[in-house]
Amino acid sequence: MNGVMAMLRPRPVAFACLVIAAWCLWASPMPRLTVPVSAHVPTTLGLWVGRPLAVDRQALQALETDYVTLTEYRQAPEAPPVWLAQVSGLGTRAAFHPPELCYVGSHFDVLERGVITLPMAEGAHRVMRLVIGQGKERFEAWYWFTANGRVTPNYYQQQFWLLFDAVQGTPMAGTLVRISTPLDDSEASGERLRAFVTAFMAEDMRGNSHGS
């Protein structure tokens, strides 16, 4: 499982491999629905300009979904990158998996792990924060899960919500969103991720208002 190290490096082919590693299948799939789910993310998010990264067919088959977005964002050509991986799925919960398990399986050390709360215009947003290391390399990664619009940093909470929705007859729709960046000696990496989340959430709010 070398995909974890791949995502954390700014190389498109290697970055795509992370998604395969981090999206391990563990449960029998629930009956699939045919309603489309979009994982589209604009290439421009405020001051962030993104470069879409290709996802090969093998990755899509492993993820059991066609809705995968891989993008590298920068605020300036020479600025440090933020890598975004977003996978959406409908009618299945088999694809979701806590990312840190695959990091460990790829011989990365999880140096720090904990939930942080981000104050946002629409309310507090809780995400899981990881610091990953291998050798002298360090990266900071944040991730969260969604289930029909509900947001949680907890994989098991998302799984409960998806199962509850299925029992209630609501189509199961969820995502995993993960962002990562090189870890700086100062607090710059955290501020970079925070600025990206602010732009990302603002775009999500605009998309929801347009769709209502």
N, C-alpha and C. Protein backbone atom coordinates (compact mmCIF):
# COMPACT_ATOMS: atom_id res chain seq x y z
N MET A 1 0.85 -1.19 0.00
CA MET A 1 0.00 0.00 0.00
C MET A 1 0.88 1.24 0.00
N ASN A 2 1.49 1.55 -1.13
CA ASN A 2 2.35 2.71 -1.23
C ASN A 2 1.59 3.96 -1.60
N GLY A 3 0.25 3.87 -1.72
CA GLY A 3 -0.52 5.02 -2.16
C GLY A 3 -0.54 6.16 -1.18
N VAL A 4 -0.40 5.89 0.12
CA VAL A 4 -0.44 6.97 1.10
C VAL A 4 0.70 7.94 0.88
N MET A 5 1.93 7.41 0.73
CA MET A 5 3.05 8.29 0.49
C MET A 5 2.88 9.03 -0.81
N ALA A 6 2.25 8.38 -1.78
CA ALA A 6 2.07 9.00 -3.08
C ALA A 6 1.22 10.24 -3.01
N MET A 7 0.12 10.21 -2.27
CA MET A 7 -0.77 11.37 -2.25
C MET A 7 -0.10 12.58 -1.64
N LEU A 8 0.74 12.32 -0.65
CA LEU A 8 1.33 13.42 0.07
C LEU A 8 2.46 14.09 -0.70
N ARG A 9 2.83 13.56 -1.84
CA ARG A 9 3.86 14.16 -2.66
C ARG A 9 3.21 14.86 -3.85
N PRO A 10 3.80 15.96 -4.29
CA PRO A 10 3.16 16.72 -5.36
C PRO A 10 3.45 16.15 -6.73
N ARG A 11 3.11 14.88 -6.95
CA ARG A 11 3.27 14.28 -8.26
C ARG A 11 1.93 13.68 -8.64
N PRO A 12 1.39 14.06 -9.80
CA PRO A 12 0.03 13.64 -10.16
C PRO A 12 -0.20 12.15 -10.12
N VAL A 13 0.72 11.35 -10.72
CA VAL A 13 0.50 9.90 -10.77
C VAL A 13 0.53 9.32 -9.37
N ALA A 14 1.51 9.73 -8.57
CA ALA A 14 1.61 9.21 -7.21
C ALA A 14 0.43 9.66 -6.37
N PHE A 15 -0.01 10.88 -6.58
CA PHE A 15 -1.13 11.42 -5.80
C PHE A 15 -2.40 10.61 -6.05
N ALA A 16 -2.59 10.21 -7.30
CA ALA A 16 -3.77 9.42 -7.62
C ALA A 16 -3.74 8.07 -6.92
N CYS A 17 -2.56 7.54 -6.70
CA CYS A 17 -2.45 6.23 -6.06
C CYS A 17 -2.90 6.27 -4.61
N LEU A 18 -2.79 7.43 -3.97
CA LEU A 18 -3.20 7.51 -2.56
C LEU A 18 -4.65 7.14 -2.38
N VAL A 19 -5.47 7.57 -3.32
CA VAL A 19 -6.90 7.36 -3.16
C VAL A 19 -7.20 5.88 -3.17
N ILE A 20 -6.47 5.11 -3.97
CA ILE A 20 -6.68 3.66 -3.99
C ILE A 20 -6.35 3.08 -2.62
N ALA A 21 -5.22 3.51 -2.07
CA ALA A 21 -4.80 2.96 -0.78
C ALA A 21 -5.72 3.40 0.34
N ALA A 22 -6.15 4.64 0.30
CA ALA A 22 -6.92 5.18 1.42
C ALA A 22 -8.39 4.82 1.39
N TRP A 23 -8.82 4.19 0.30
CA TRP A 23 -10.25 3.85 0.15
C TRP A 23 -10.40 2.34 0.19
N CYS A 24 -10.05 1.70 1.30
CA CYS A 24 -10.07 0.24 1.42
C CYS A 24 -11.51 -0.24 1.56
N LEU A 25 -11.84 -1.34 0.93
CA LEU A 25 -13.19 -1.88 1.01
C LEU A 25 -13.27 -2.89 2.14
N TRP A 26 -14.34 -2.79 2.94
CA TRP A 26 -14.44 -3.70 4.09
C TRP A 26 -15.83 -4.30 4.25
N ALA A 27 -16.86 -3.72 3.73
CA ALA A 27 -18.22 -4.20 4.00
C ALA A 27 -18.90 -4.59 2.71
N SER A 28 -19.88 -5.46 2.82
CA SER A 28 -20.67 -5.81 1.65
C SER A 28 -21.49 -4.61 1.21
N PRO A 29 -21.50 -4.32 -0.09
CA PRO A 29 -22.22 -3.13 -0.54
C PRO A 29 -23.73 -3.28 -0.38
N MET A 30 -24.37 -2.17 -0.02
CA MET A 30 -25.82 -2.11 0.01
C MET A 30 -26.32 -2.01 -1.43
N PRO A 31 -27.60 -2.29 -1.68
CA PRO A 31 -28.12 -2.16 -3.05
C PRO A 31 -27.85 -0.77 -3.61
N ARG A 32 -27.35 -0.72 -4.84
CA ARG A 32 -26.98 0.55 -5.46
C ARG A 32 -28.19 1.25 -6.03
N LEU A 33 -28.13 2.58 -6.00
CA LEU A 33 -29.14 3.41 -6.62
C LEU A 33 -28.55 4.02 -7.88
N THR A 34 -29.40 4.55 -8.72
CA THR A 34 -28.93 5.06 -10.00
C THR A 34 -28.94 6.58 -10.07
N VAL A 35 -29.31 7.25 -8.97
CA VAL A 35 -29.30 8.70 -8.96
C VAL A 35 -27.86 9.18 -8.98
N PRO A 36 -27.47 10.08 -9.89
CA PRO A 36 -26.07 10.49 -9.96
C PRO A 36 -25.67 11.36 -8.77
N VAL A 37 -24.41 11.23 -8.37
CA VAL A 37 -23.81 12.06 -7.32
C VAL A 37 -22.59 12.72 -7.92
N SER A 38 -22.47 14.02 -7.78
CA SER A 38 -21.35 14.74 -8.36
C SER A 38 -20.27 14.98 -7.33
N ALA A 39 -19.02 14.75 -7.71
CA ALA A 39 -17.87 15.09 -6.87
C ALA A 39 -17.14 16.28 -7.46
N HIS A 40 -17.82 17.05 -8.32
CA HIS A 40 -17.17 18.15 -8.99
C HIS A 40 -16.76 19.24 -8.01
N VAL A 41 -15.55 19.72 -8.16
CA VAL A 41 -15.05 20.85 -7.38
C VAL A 41 -14.47 21.84 -8.37
N PRO A 42 -14.83 23.11 -8.30
CA PRO A 42 -14.29 24.10 -9.25
C PRO A 42 -12.77 24.18 -9.16
N THR A 43 -12.14 24.51 -10.27
CA THR A 43 -10.69 24.66 -10.27
C THR A 43 -10.26 26.00 -9.66
N THR A 44 -11.21 26.90 -9.45
CA THR A 44 -10.92 28.16 -8.78
C THR A 44 -11.79 28.27 -7.53
N LEU A 45 -11.14 28.42 -6.38
CA LEU A 45 -11.83 28.58 -5.10
C LEU A 45 -11.27 29.84 -4.45
N GLY A 46 -11.93 30.96 -4.65
CA GLY A 46 -11.40 32.20 -4.13
C GLY A 46 -10.06 32.50 -4.77
N LEU A 47 -9.03 32.65 -3.93
CA LEU A 47 -7.68 32.93 -4.43
C LEU A 47 -6.93 31.65 -4.83
N TRP A 48 -7.56 30.52 -4.60
CA TRP A 48 -6.90 29.24 -4.90
C TRP A 48 -7.17 28.83 -6.34
N VAL A 49 -6.11 28.50 -7.05
CA VAL A 49 -6.23 28.04 -8.44
C VAL A 49 -5.79 26.58 -8.48
N GLY A 50 -6.67 25.73 -8.99
CA GLY A 50 -6.42 24.30 -8.97
C GLY A 50 -6.02 23.73 -10.31
N ARG A 51 -5.33 22.62 -10.24
CA ARG A 51 -4.95 21.86 -11.42
C ARG A 51 -5.48 20.45 -11.25
N PRO A 52 -6.51 20.07 -12.01
CA PRO A 52 -7.06 18.72 -11.87
C PRO A 52 -6.01 17.65 -12.16
N LEU A 53 -6.05 16.59 -11.39
CA LEU A 53 -5.16 15.45 -11.57
C LEU A 53 -5.97 14.25 -12.03
N ALA A 54 -5.40 13.51 -12.94
CA ALA A 54 -6.13 12.40 -13.54
C ALA A 54 -6.29 11.25 -12.56
N VAL A 55 -7.41 10.54 -12.72
CA VAL A 55 -7.68 9.33 -11.95
C VAL A 55 -7.81 8.18 -12.95
N ASP A 56 -7.01 7.15 -12.80
CA ASP A 56 -7.07 6.07 -13.76
C ASP A 56 -8.24 5.12 -13.46
N ARG A 57 -8.54 4.27 -14.41
CA ARG A 57 -9.68 3.37 -14.30
C ARG A 57 -9.52 2.38 -13.15
N GLN A 58 -8.28 1.97 -12.88
CA GLN A 58 -8.06 1.04 -11.77
C GLN A 58 -8.49 1.66 -10.45
N ALA A 59 -8.20 2.95 -10.28
CA ALA A 59 -8.61 3.64 -9.05
C ALA A 59 -10.12 3.67 -8.93
N LEU A 60 -10.80 3.98 -10.02
CA LEU A 60 -12.26 4.06 -9.98
C LEU A 60 -12.88 2.70 -9.66
N GLN A 61 -12.30 1.64 -10.19
CA GLN A 61 -12.82 0.31 -9.91
C GLN A 61 -12.61 -0.05 -8.44
N ALA A 62 -11.47 0.34 -7.87
CA ALA A 62 -11.21 0.06 -6.46
C ALA A 62 -12.15 0.84 -5.56
N LEU A 63 -12.48 2.06 -5.98
CA LEU A 63 -13.35 2.91 -5.17
C LEU A 63 -14.82 2.60 -5.36
N GLU A 64 -15.16 1.84 -6.40
CA GLU A 64 -16.55 1.50 -6.73
C GLU A 64 -17.40 2.75 -6.94
N THR A 65 -16.82 3.77 -7.51
CA THR A 65 -17.56 4.98 -7.85
C THR A 65 -16.83 5.70 -8.97
N ASP A 66 -17.58 6.42 -9.79
CA ASP A 66 -16.99 7.23 -10.85
C ASP A 66 -16.81 8.68 -10.43
N TYR A 67 -17.18 9.00 -9.21
CA TYR A 67 -17.20 10.39 -8.78
C TYR A 67 -16.02 10.67 -7.86
N VAL A 68 -14.88 10.90 -8.47
CA VAL A 68 -13.64 11.14 -7.76
C VAL A 68 -13.01 12.44 -8.27
N THR A 69 -12.61 13.29 -7.35
CA THR A 69 -11.95 14.54 -7.70
C THR A 69 -10.58 14.58 -7.04
N LEU A 70 -9.55 14.78 -7.83
CA LEU A 70 -8.19 14.97 -7.33
C LEU A 70 -7.68 16.30 -7.90
N THR A 71 -7.28 17.20 -7.04
CA THR A 71 -6.87 18.52 -7.49
C THR A 71 -5.73 19.04 -6.63
N GLU A 72 -4.79 19.69 -7.28
CA GLU A 72 -3.71 20.38 -6.58
C GLU A 72 -3.96 21.88 -6.68
N TYR A 73 -4.04 22.55 -5.54
CA TYR A 73 -4.35 23.98 -5.48
C TYR A 73 -3.14 24.76 -4.97
N ARG A 74 -2.99 25.97 -5.51
CA ARG A 74 -1.98 26.92 -5.03
C ARG A 74 -2.56 28.32 -5.09
N GLN A 75 -2.08 29.19 -4.20
CA GLN A 75 -2.48 30.58 -4.25
C GLN A 75 -1.56 31.41 -5.14
N ALA A 76 -0.41 30.87 -5.45
CA ALA A 76 0.55 31.49 -6.37
C ALA A 76 1.39 30.37 -6.96
N PRO A 77 1.98 30.58 -8.15
CA PRO A 77 2.72 29.49 -8.81
C PRO A 77 3.79 28.85 -7.95
N GLU A 78 4.49 29.64 -7.12
CA GLU A 78 5.57 29.10 -6.31
C GLU A 78 5.14 28.81 -4.88
N ALA A 79 3.87 29.01 -4.56
CA ALA A 79 3.40 28.80 -3.20
C ALA A 79 3.28 27.31 -2.90
N PRO A 80 3.35 26.91 -1.63
CA PRO A 80 3.17 25.50 -1.27
C PRO A 80 1.78 25.02 -1.69
N PRO A 81 1.65 23.79 -2.11
CA PRO A 81 0.36 23.28 -2.59
C PRO A 81 -0.52 22.78 -1.46
N VAL A 82 -1.80 22.72 -1.77
CA VAL A 82 -2.78 21.98 -0.98
C VAL A 82 -3.39 20.94 -1.91
N TRP A 83 -3.35 19.69 -1.52
CA TRP A 83 -3.90 18.61 -2.34
C TRP A 83 -5.27 18.22 -1.80
N LEU A 84 -6.23 18.18 -2.68
CA LEU A 84 -7.60 17.81 -2.33
C LEU A 84 -7.96 16.47 -2.95
N ALA A 85 -8.49 15.58 -2.14
CA ALA A 85 -9.07 14.33 -2.63
C ALA A 85 -10.51 14.27 -2.14
N GLN A 86 -11.45 14.17 -3.05
CA GLN A 86 -12.87 14.05 -2.67
C GLN A 86 -13.48 12.90 -3.45
N VAL A 87 -14.11 12.01 -2.71
CA VAL A 87 -14.79 10.87 -3.32
C VAL A 87 -16.23 10.87 -2.85
N SER A 88 -17.16 10.78 -3.79
CA SER A 88 -18.58 10.75 -3.47
C SER A 88 -19.16 9.39 -3.84
N GLY A 89 -20.11 8.93 -3.08
CA GLY A 89 -20.75 7.66 -3.37
C GLY A 89 -22.21 7.69 -3.00
N LEU A 90 -23.01 6.94 -3.74
CA LEU A 90 -24.44 6.85 -3.47
C LEU A 90 -24.86 5.39 -3.46
N GLY A 91 -25.61 5.01 -2.43
CA GLY A 91 -26.13 3.65 -2.37
C GLY A 91 -25.15 2.63 -1.86
N THR A 92 -24.00 3.05 -1.32
CA THR A 92 -23.02 2.12 -0.78
C THR A 92 -22.23 2.79 0.34
N ARG A 93 -21.83 1.98 1.32
CA ARG A 93 -20.94 2.48 2.37
C ARG A 93 -19.66 1.67 2.40
N ALA A 94 -19.48 0.78 1.43
CA ALA A 94 -18.35 -0.14 1.45
C ALA A 94 -17.02 0.54 1.17
N ALA A 95 -17.05 1.70 0.53
CA ALA A 95 -15.81 2.33 0.09
C ALA A 95 -15.11 3.12 1.20
N PHE A 96 -15.83 3.49 2.25
CA PHE A 96 -15.27 4.41 3.23
C PHE A 96 -14.36 3.71 4.23
N HIS A 97 -13.32 4.41 4.62
CA HIS A 97 -12.34 3.82 5.52
C HIS A 97 -11.53 4.94 6.17
N PRO A 98 -11.21 4.85 7.47
CA PRO A 98 -10.38 5.88 8.10
C PRO A 98 -9.02 5.97 7.41
N PRO A 99 -8.64 7.12 6.90
CA PRO A 99 -7.40 7.24 6.14
C PRO A 99 -6.14 6.86 6.91
N GLU A 100 -6.10 7.12 8.23
CA GLU A 100 -4.86 6.87 8.95
C GLU A 100 -4.47 5.40 8.99
N LEU A 101 -5.45 4.49 8.87
CA LEU A 101 -5.12 3.07 8.85
C LEU A 101 -4.26 2.71 7.66
N CYS A 102 -4.58 3.31 6.53
CA CYS A 102 -3.78 3.05 5.34
C CYS A 102 -2.44 3.75 5.39
N TYR A 103 -2.37 4.90 6.06
CA TYR A 103 -1.08 5.55 6.25
C TYR A 103 -0.13 4.63 7.01
N VAL A 104 -0.63 4.06 8.09
CA VAL A 104 0.18 3.15 8.89
C VAL A 104 0.59 1.94 8.07
N GLY A 105 -0.34 1.42 7.26
CA GLY A 105 -0.03 0.28 6.42
C GLY A 105 1.01 0.58 5.37
N SER A 106 1.22 1.84 5.05
CA SER A 106 2.23 2.26 4.08
C SER A 106 3.50 2.74 4.77
N HIS A 107 3.66 2.38 6.04
CA HIS A 107 4.88 2.66 6.79
C HIS A 107 5.08 4.14 7.08
N PHE A 108 3.99 4.87 7.18
CA PHE A 108 4.03 6.23 7.70
C PHE A 108 3.74 6.18 9.19
N ASP A 109 4.33 7.08 9.92
CA ASP A 109 4.03 7.23 11.34
C ASP A 109 2.96 8.30 11.50
N VAL A 110 1.93 8.00 12.27
CA VAL A 110 0.94 9.00 12.64
C VAL A 110 1.47 9.68 13.89
N LEU A 111 2.04 10.87 13.71
CA LEU A 111 2.70 11.56 14.81
C LEU A 111 1.72 12.32 15.69
N GLU A 112 0.65 12.80 15.09
CA GLU A 112 -0.38 13.51 15.85
C GLU A 112 -1.73 13.18 15.24
N ARG A 113 -2.74 13.10 16.09
CA ARG A 113 -4.09 12.83 15.62
C ARG A 113 -5.08 13.41 16.60
N GLY A 114 -6.02 14.17 16.11
CA GLY A 114 -7.03 14.73 17.00
C GLY A 114 -8.01 15.60 16.25
N VAL A 115 -9.19 15.74 16.83
CA VAL A 115 -10.24 16.57 16.23
C VAL A 115 -9.97 18.03 16.57
N ILE A 116 -10.10 18.89 15.57
CA ILE A 116 -10.01 20.32 15.79
C ILE A 116 -11.31 20.96 15.32
N THR A 117 -11.63 22.10 15.91
CA THR A 117 -12.86 22.81 15.56
C THR A 117 -12.51 24.10 14.84
N LEU A 118 -13.10 24.30 13.67
CA LEU A 118 -12.84 25.49 12.87
C LEU A 118 -14.06 26.40 12.93
N PRO A 119 -13.91 27.62 13.41
CA PRO A 119 -15.04 28.56 13.38
C PRO A 119 -15.29 29.02 11.96
N MET A 120 -16.50 28.78 11.45
CA MET A 120 -16.86 29.16 10.09
C MET A 120 -18.07 30.06 10.13
N ALA A 121 -18.32 30.75 9.03
CA ALA A 121 -19.45 31.69 8.97
C ALA A 121 -20.76 30.96 9.21
N GLU A 122 -20.87 29.72 8.72
CA GLU A 122 -22.11 28.97 8.86
C GLU A 122 -22.17 28.14 10.14
N GLY A 123 -21.13 28.26 10.97
CA GLY A 123 -21.10 27.50 12.22
C GLY A 123 -19.80 26.73 12.36
N ALA A 124 -19.57 26.15 13.54
CA ALA A 124 -18.33 25.42 13.78
C ALA A 124 -18.25 24.19 12.87
N HIS A 125 -17.05 23.92 12.41
CA HIS A 125 -16.80 22.78 11.53
C HIS A 125 -15.69 21.94 12.14
N ARG A 126 -15.99 20.69 12.48
CA ARG A 126 -15.02 19.80 13.11
C ARG A 126 -14.38 18.89 12.08
N VAL A 127 -13.04 18.80 12.13
CA VAL A 127 -12.30 17.96 11.20
C VAL A 127 -11.27 17.15 11.98
N MET A 128 -10.85 16.06 11.39
CA MET A 128 -9.77 15.27 11.98
C MET A 128 -8.44 15.78 11.43
N ARG A 129 -7.52 16.06 12.32
CA ARG A 129 -6.19 16.54 11.93
C ARG A 129 -5.16 15.46 12.16
N LEU A 130 -4.32 15.23 11.16
CA LEU A 130 -3.23 14.27 11.26
C LEU A 130 -1.92 14.95 10.93
N VAL A 131 -0.87 14.54 11.61
CA VAL A 131 0.49 14.85 11.18
C VAL A 131 1.14 13.52 10.85
N ILE A 132 1.58 13.40 9.62
CA ILE A 132 2.13 12.15 9.10
C ILE A 132 3.62 12.33 8.85
N GLY A 133 4.42 11.35 9.18
CA GLY A 133 5.85 11.44 8.95
C GLY A 133 6.44 10.15 8.43
N GLN A 134 7.46 10.32 7.61
CA GLN A 134 8.27 9.18 7.16
C GLN A 134 9.65 9.72 6.88
N GLY A 135 10.63 9.24 7.61
CA GLY A 135 11.96 9.82 7.50
C GLY A 135 11.92 11.26 7.98
N LYS A 136 12.45 12.16 7.16
CA LYS A 136 12.47 13.57 7.51
C LYS A 136 11.26 14.32 6.97
N GLU A 137 10.40 13.64 6.24
CA GLU A 137 9.25 14.30 5.63
C GLU A 137 8.09 14.38 6.62
N ARG A 138 7.43 15.51 6.62
CA ARG A 138 6.27 15.73 7.46
C ARG A 138 5.16 16.39 6.64
N PHE A 139 3.92 15.93 6.87
CA PHE A 139 2.76 16.49 6.18
C PHE A 139 1.63 16.65 7.18
N GLU A 140 0.81 17.64 6.96
CA GLU A 140 -0.38 17.86 7.76
C GLU A 140 -1.60 17.57 6.90
N ALA A 141 -2.51 16.78 7.40
CA ALA A 141 -3.70 16.40 6.65
C ALA A 141 -4.93 16.58 7.51
N TRP A 142 -5.97 17.09 6.91
CA TRP A 142 -7.28 17.20 7.55
C TRP A 142 -8.28 16.40 6.73
N TYR A 143 -9.24 15.78 7.40
CA TYR A 143 -10.29 15.08 6.64
C TYR A 143 -11.59 15.10 7.42
N TRP A 144 -12.67 14.89 6.67
CA TRP A 144 -14.00 14.75 7.28
C TRP A 144 -14.89 13.93 6.35
N PHE A 145 -15.91 13.35 6.94
CA PHE A 145 -16.89 12.56 6.21
C PHE A 145 -18.22 13.32 6.15
N THR A 146 -19.03 13.02 5.14
CA THR A 146 -20.38 13.55 5.09
C THR A 146 -21.35 12.39 4.84
N ALA A 147 -22.60 12.62 5.26
CA ALA A 147 -23.68 11.67 5.01
C ALA A 147 -24.96 12.48 4.82
N ASN A 148 -25.39 12.62 3.58
CA ASN A 148 -26.59 13.40 3.27
C ASN A 148 -26.56 14.79 3.93
N GLY A 149 -25.45 15.47 3.75
CA GLY A 149 -25.33 16.84 4.22
C GLY A 149 -24.81 16.99 5.63
N ARG A 150 -24.83 15.92 6.44
CA ARG A 150 -24.28 15.98 7.79
C ARG A 150 -22.77 15.77 7.73
N VAL A 151 -22.05 16.48 8.58
CA VAL A 151 -20.59 16.47 8.52
C VAL A 151 -20.02 15.96 9.84
N THR A 152 -19.02 15.08 9.76
CA THR A 152 -18.40 14.55 10.96
C THR A 152 -16.95 14.17 10.66
N PRO A 153 -16.06 14.30 11.64
CA PRO A 153 -14.71 13.78 11.47
C PRO A 153 -14.61 12.30 11.82
N ASN A 154 -15.71 11.71 12.25
CA ASN A 154 -15.72 10.34 12.77
C ASN A 154 -16.29 9.37 11.74
N TYR A 155 -15.48 8.42 11.33
CA TYR A 155 -15.89 7.41 10.36
C TYR A 155 -17.12 6.62 10.84
N TYR A 156 -17.12 6.23 12.12
CA TYR A 156 -18.21 5.41 12.64
C TYR A 156 -19.51 6.20 12.72
N GLN A 157 -19.42 7.49 12.99
CA GLN A 157 -20.61 8.32 12.98
C GLN A 157 -21.21 8.37 11.58
N GLN A 158 -20.35 8.52 10.58
CA GLN A 158 -20.85 8.54 9.20
C GLN A 158 -21.51 7.22 8.84
N GLN A 159 -20.88 6.11 9.24
CA GLN A 159 -21.45 4.80 8.94
C GLN A 159 -22.81 4.62 9.59
N PHE A 160 -22.96 5.08 10.83
CA PHE A 160 -24.25 5.01 11.51
C PHE A 160 -25.30 5.82 10.75
N TRP A 161 -24.94 7.03 10.35
CA TRP A 161 -25.88 7.88 9.61
C TRP A 161 -26.31 7.21 8.31
N LEU A 162 -25.36 6.62 7.59
CA LEU A 162 -25.70 5.99 6.32
C LEU A 162 -26.63 4.80 6.53
N LEU A 163 -26.36 4.00 7.56
CA LEU A 163 -27.24 2.87 7.85
C LEU A 163 -28.62 3.35 8.29
N PHE A 164 -28.66 4.39 9.11
CA PHE A 164 -29.94 4.95 9.54
C PHE A 164 -30.73 5.44 8.34
N ASP A 165 -30.06 6.12 7.41
CA ASP A 165 -30.74 6.59 6.21
C ASP A 165 -31.31 5.43 5.40
N ALA A 166 -30.53 4.35 5.30
CA ALA A 166 -30.99 3.19 4.53
C ALA A 166 -32.25 2.59 5.17
N VAL A 167 -32.25 2.48 6.50
CA VAL A 167 -33.41 1.94 7.21
C VAL A 167 -34.64 2.82 7.00
N GLN A 168 -34.41 4.14 6.96
CA GLN A 168 -35.50 5.08 6.78
C GLN A 168 -35.94 5.21 5.32
N GLY A 169 -35.26 4.53 4.43
CA GLY A 169 -35.61 4.60 3.02
C GLY A 169 -35.03 5.80 2.30
N THR A 170 -34.07 6.48 2.94
CA THR A 170 -33.40 7.62 2.32
C THR A 170 -32.17 7.13 1.55
N PRO A 171 -31.98 7.57 0.30
CA PRO A 171 -30.79 7.16 -0.44
C PRO A 171 -29.52 7.50 0.33
N MET A 172 -28.62 6.52 0.45
CA MET A 172 -27.36 6.74 1.14
C MET A 172 -26.43 7.55 0.23
N ALA A 173 -26.02 8.72 0.69
CA ALA A 173 -25.12 9.57 -0.08
C ALA A 173 -24.06 10.12 0.85
N GLY A 174 -22.80 9.84 0.57
CA GLY A 174 -21.73 10.29 1.44
C GLY A 174 -20.49 10.68 0.67
N THR A 175 -19.57 11.33 1.38
CA THR A 175 -18.28 11.68 0.79
C THR A 175 -17.19 11.54 1.85
N LEU A 176 -15.98 11.43 1.37
CA LEU A 176 -14.79 11.65 2.17
C LEU A 176 -14.05 12.81 1.52
N VAL A 177 -13.73 13.82 2.30
CA VAL A 177 -12.95 14.95 1.81
C VAL A 177 -11.66 14.99 2.61
N ARG A 178 -10.54 15.01 1.90
CA ARG A 178 -9.25 15.06 2.57
C ARG A 178 -8.38 16.11 1.90
N ILE A 179 -7.74 16.96 2.72
CA ILE A 179 -6.80 17.93 2.19
C ILE A 179 -5.47 17.74 2.93
N SER A 180 -4.38 18.01 2.24
CA SER A 180 -3.07 17.84 2.86
C SER A 180 -2.10 18.84 2.26
N THR A 181 -1.02 19.08 3.00
CA THR A 181 -0.02 20.06 2.58
C THR A 181 1.28 19.75 3.31
N PRO A 182 2.41 20.18 2.76
CA PRO A 182 3.67 19.99 3.50
C PRO A 182 3.61 20.71 4.85
N LEU A 183 4.15 20.06 5.87
CA LEU A 183 4.14 20.64 7.21
C LEU A 183 5.33 21.58 7.37
N ASP A 184 5.04 22.83 7.73
CA ASP A 184 6.08 23.83 7.94
C ASP A 184 6.55 23.81 9.39
N ASP A 185 7.72 24.39 9.61
CA ASP A 185 8.23 24.49 10.98
C ASP A 185 7.37 25.44 11.81
N SER A 186 6.78 26.45 11.16
CA SER A 186 5.90 27.38 11.85
C SER A 186 4.47 26.85 11.79
N GLU A 187 3.51 27.73 12.02
CA GLU A 187 2.11 27.34 11.94
C GLU A 187 1.53 27.59 10.56
N ALA A 188 2.38 27.81 9.57
CA ALA A 188 1.91 28.19 8.24
C ALA A 188 1.08 27.10 7.58
N SER A 189 1.42 25.84 7.81
CA SER A 189 0.67 24.76 7.15
C SER A 189 -0.77 24.73 7.64
N GLY A 190 -0.98 24.90 8.93
CA GLY A 190 -2.33 24.92 9.46
C GLY A 190 -3.13 26.11 8.96
N GLU A 191 -2.49 27.27 8.88
CA GLU A 191 -3.17 28.45 8.36
C GLU A 191 -3.51 28.27 6.88
N ARG A 192 -2.64 27.60 6.15
CA ARG A 192 -2.89 27.33 4.73
C ARG A 192 -4.11 26.42 4.57
N LEU A 193 -4.18 25.37 5.35
CA LEU A 193 -5.33 24.48 5.27
C LEU A 193 -6.61 25.18 5.72
N ARG A 194 -6.50 26.01 6.74
CA ARG A 194 -7.67 26.74 7.23
C ARG A 194 -8.21 27.68 6.14
N ALA A 195 -7.30 28.38 5.46
CA ALA A 195 -7.71 29.28 4.38
C ALA A 195 -8.37 28.50 3.25
N PHE A 196 -7.85 27.32 2.96
CA PHE A 196 -8.44 26.52 1.90
C PHE A 196 -9.83 26.03 2.29
N VAL A 197 -9.99 25.56 3.52
CA VAL A 197 -11.30 25.09 3.98
C VAL A 197 -12.33 26.21 3.90
N THR A 198 -11.93 27.42 4.27
CA THR A 198 -12.84 28.56 4.21
C THR A 198 -13.33 28.78 2.79
N ALA A 199 -12.42 28.74 1.83
CA ALA A 199 -12.81 28.91 0.42
C ALA A 199 -13.64 27.74 -0.07
N PHE A 200 -13.29 26.54 0.37
CA PHE A 200 -14.00 25.33 -0.06
C PHE A 200 -15.43 25.34 0.46
N MET A 201 -15.61 25.68 1.74
CA MET A 201 -16.94 25.71 2.32
C MET A 201 -17.79 26.83 1.73
N ALA A 202 -17.17 27.97 1.43
CA ALA A 202 -17.92 29.07 0.82
C ALA A 202 -18.45 28.65 -0.54
N GLU A 203 -17.67 27.92 -1.31
CA GLU A 203 -18.13 27.44 -2.61
C GLU A 203 -19.24 26.42 -2.44
N ASP A 204 -19.12 25.57 -1.41
CA ASP A 204 -20.15 24.57 -1.16
C ASP A 204 -21.48 25.23 -0.79
N MET A 205 -21.40 26.28 0.01
CA MET A 205 -22.62 26.99 0.40
C MET A 205 -23.27 27.65 -0.82
N ARG A 206 -22.46 28.22 -1.70
CA ARG A 206 -23.01 28.83 -2.91
C ARG A 206 -23.67 27.79 -3.79
N GLY A 207 -23.02 26.62 -3.90
CA GLY A 207 -23.60 25.55 -4.72
C GLY A 207 -24.92 25.08 -4.17
N ASN A 208 -25.03 24.96 -2.83
CA ASN A 208 -26.29 24.53 -2.24
C ASN A 208 -27.40 25.55 -2.42
N SER A 209 -27.05 26.85 -2.32
CA SER A 209 -28.06 27.88 -2.48
C SER A 209 -28.54 27.95 -3.92
N HIS A 210 -27.65 27.70 -4.86
CA HIS A 210 -28.06 27.69 -6.26
C HIS A 210 -28.95 26.51 -6.58
N GLY A 211 -28.72 25.40 -5.85
CA GLY A 211 -29.49 24.20 -6.14
C GLY A 211 -30.83 24.16 -5.46
N SER A 212 -31.09 25.10 -4.50
CA SER A 212 -32.33 25.06 -3.76
C SER A 212 -33.41 25.85 -4.45
